[in-house]
C-alpha atoms as a PDB file:
ATOM      1  CA  MET A   1     -22.803   1.340  14.226  1.00  0.00           C
ATOM      2  CA  PRO A   2     -22.594   2.198  10.533  1.00  0.00           C
ATOM      3  CA  SER A   3     -23.208  -0.947   8.510  1.00  0.00           C
ATOM      4  CA  SER A   4     -24.068  -1.569   4.888  1.00  0.00           C
ATOM      5  CA  VAL A   5     -26.192  -4.585   5.885  1.00  0.00           C
ATOM      6  CA  ILE A   6     -27.602  -4.094   9.385  1.00  0.00           C
ATOM      7  CA  ALA A   7     -29.770  -1.089  10.206  1.00  0.00           C
ATOM      8  CA  ARG A   8     -30.118  -1.827  13.923  1.00  0.00           C
ATOM      9  CA  PHE A   9     -30.251  -4.549  16.527  1.00  0.00           C
ATOM     10  CA  ASP A  10     -31.512  -4.977  20.066  1.00  0.00           C
ATOM     11  CA  TYR A  11     -30.735  -7.618  22.671  1.00  0.00           C
ATOM     12  CA  ASP A  12     -33.180  -8.804  25.329  1.00  0.00           C
ATOM     13  CA  ASP A  13     -30.981 -10.223  28.067  1.00  0.00           C
ATOM     14  CA  ALA A  14     -33.894 -11.679  30.052  1.00  0.00           C
ATOM     15  CA  HIS A  15     -34.899 -13.859  27.075  1.00  0.00           C
ATOM     16  CA  ALA A  16     -31.495 -14.165  25.340  1.00  0.00           C
ATOM     17  CA  ARG A  17     -33.177 -12.823  22.206  1.00  0.00           C
ATOM     18  CA  LEU A  18     -31.415 -10.769  19.553  1.00  0.00           C
ATOM     19  CA  THR A  19     -33.587  -8.768  17.150  1.00  0.00           C
ATOM     20  CA  VAL A  20     -31.827  -7.694  13.957  1.00  0.00           C
ATOM     21  CA  THR A  21     -33.236  -5.222  11.436  1.00  0.00           C
ATOM     22  CA  PHE A  22     -31.526  -5.262   8.059  1.00  0.00           C
ATOM     23  CA  ILE A  23     -31.288  -2.267   5.748  1.00  0.00           C
ATOM     24  CA  THR A  24     -33.779  -4.050   3.487  1.00  0.00           C
ATOM     25  CA  GLY A  25     -36.356  -3.624   6.259  1.00  0.00           C
ATOM     26  CA  ARG A  26     -36.509  -7.339   7.068  1.00  0.00           C
ATOM     27  CA  ILE A  27     -36.532  -8.113  10.790  1.00  0.00           C
ATOM     28  CA  TYR A  28     -35.384 -11.352  12.406  1.00  0.00           C
ATOM     29  CA  GLU A  29     -35.403 -12.601  15.988  1.00  0.00           C
ATOM     30  CA  TYR A  30     -32.618 -14.964  17.061  1.00  0.00           C
ATOM     31  CA  PHE A  31     -33.122 -17.087  20.171  1.00  0.00           C
ATOM     32  CA  ALA A  32     -30.787 -18.488  22.842  1.00  0.00           C
ATOM     33  CA  VAL A  33     -28.077 -15.991  21.906  1.00  0.00           C
ATOM     34  CA  PRO A  34     -25.582 -15.678  24.774  1.00  0.00           C
ATOM     35  CA  SER A  35     -25.083 -12.187  26.162  1.00  0.00           C
ATOM     36  CA  ALA A  36     -21.345 -12.413  25.351  1.00  0.00           C
ATOM     37  CA  ILE A  37     -22.192 -12.872  21.653  1.00  0.00           C
ATOM     38  CA  ALA A  38     -24.516  -9.846  21.760  1.00  0.00           C
ATOM     39  CA  ALA A  39     -21.791  -7.774  23.438  1.00  0.00           C
ATOM     40  CA  ASP A  40     -19.220  -8.876  20.855  1.00  0.00           C
ATOM     41  CA  PHE A  41     -21.700  -8.045  18.083  1.00  0.00           C
ATOM     42  CA  ARG A  42     -22.149  -4.555  19.514  1.00  0.00           C
ATOM     43  CA  ALA A  43     -18.353  -4.075  19.665  1.00  0.00           C
ATOM     44  CA  ALA A  44     -17.574  -5.578  16.243  1.00  0.00           C
ATOM     45  CA  ALA A  45     -15.969  -3.266  13.710  1.00  0.00           C
ATOM     46  CA  SER A  46     -17.892  -5.023  10.927  1.00  0.00           C
ATOM     47  CA  LYS A  47     -21.425  -5.892  12.030  1.00  0.00           C
ATOM     48  CA  GLY A  48     -22.195  -7.751   8.795  1.00  0.00           C
ATOM     49  CA  ALA A  49     -19.078  -9.923   8.977  1.00  0.00           C
ATOM     50  CA  PHE A  50     -19.687 -10.707  12.650  1.00  0.00           C
ATOM     51  CA  PHE A  51     -23.317 -11.539  11.981  1.00  0.00           C
ATOM     52  CA  ASN A  52     -22.402 -13.896   9.120  1.00  0.00           C
ATOM     53  CA  THR A  53     -19.720 -15.775  11.054  1.00  0.00           C
ATOM     54  CA  GLN A  54     -21.098 -15.780  14.610  1.00  0.00           C
ATOM     55  CA  ILE A  55     -24.909 -15.529  14.458  1.00  0.00           C
ATOM     56  CA  ARG A  56     -26.366 -16.520  11.080  1.00  0.00           C
ATOM     57  CA  ASP A  57     -27.165 -20.242  10.895  1.00  0.00           C
ATOM     58  CA  ARG A  58     -26.019 -20.745  14.509  1.00  0.00           C
ATOM     59  CA  TYR A  59     -29.176 -19.900  16.451  1.00  0.00           C
ATOM     60  CA  PRO A  60     -32.874 -20.636  16.001  1.00  0.00           C
ATOM     61  CA  PHE A  61     -34.661 -17.691  14.419  1.00  0.00           C
ATOM     62  CA  ARG A  62     -37.876 -16.394  12.943  1.00  0.00           C
ATOM     63  CA  GLU A  63     -38.654 -13.575  10.590  1.00  0.00           C
ATOM     64  CA  ILE A  64     -41.097 -10.887  11.667  1.00  0.00           C
ATOM     65  CA  LYS A  65     -43.226  -9.895   8.683  1.00  0.00           C
ATOM     66  CA  PRO A  66     -44.939  -6.498   8.750  1.00  0.00           C
ATOM     67  CA  ILE A  67     -48.603  -6.436   7.731  1.00  0.00           C
ATOM     68  CA  GLY A  68     -49.943  -2.913   7.882  1.00  0.00           C
ATOM     69  CA  ASP A  69     -49.506  -1.751  11.465  1.00  0.00           C
ATOM     70  CA  ALA A  70     -49.352  -5.287  12.868  1.00  0.00           C
ATOM     71  CA  TYR A  71     -46.642  -7.928  12.662  1.00  0.00           C
ATOM     72  CA  ARG A  72     -46.979 -11.580  11.724  1.00  0.00           C
ATOM     73  CA  LYS A  73     -44.287 -13.887  13.011  1.00  0.00           C
ATOM     74  CA  ARG A  74     -43.195 -16.731  10.767  1.00  0.00           C
ATOM     75  CA  SER A  75     -41.061 -19.541  12.096  1.00  0.00           C
ATOM     76  CA  ALA A  76     -37.917 -20.124  10.068  1.00  0.00           C
ATOM     77  CA  ARG A  77     -36.674 -23.137  12.012  1.00  0.00           C
END
């Protein structure tokens, strides 16, 4: 999955949660993401374009902020 924007992503099917790590190091969790969207994201030729058109601003999310070895979760919506 080479991408100039997205470093990695994981999907938790049991909770319909998509976790996206950007190359900047910022990490976001997206909620209520259908498994079909996650599968299409995985298969997309351009992860950044797919993210911008199919995920960003379409699902509730929060940013996970690193603090030392722990993480603080901040609600974005």
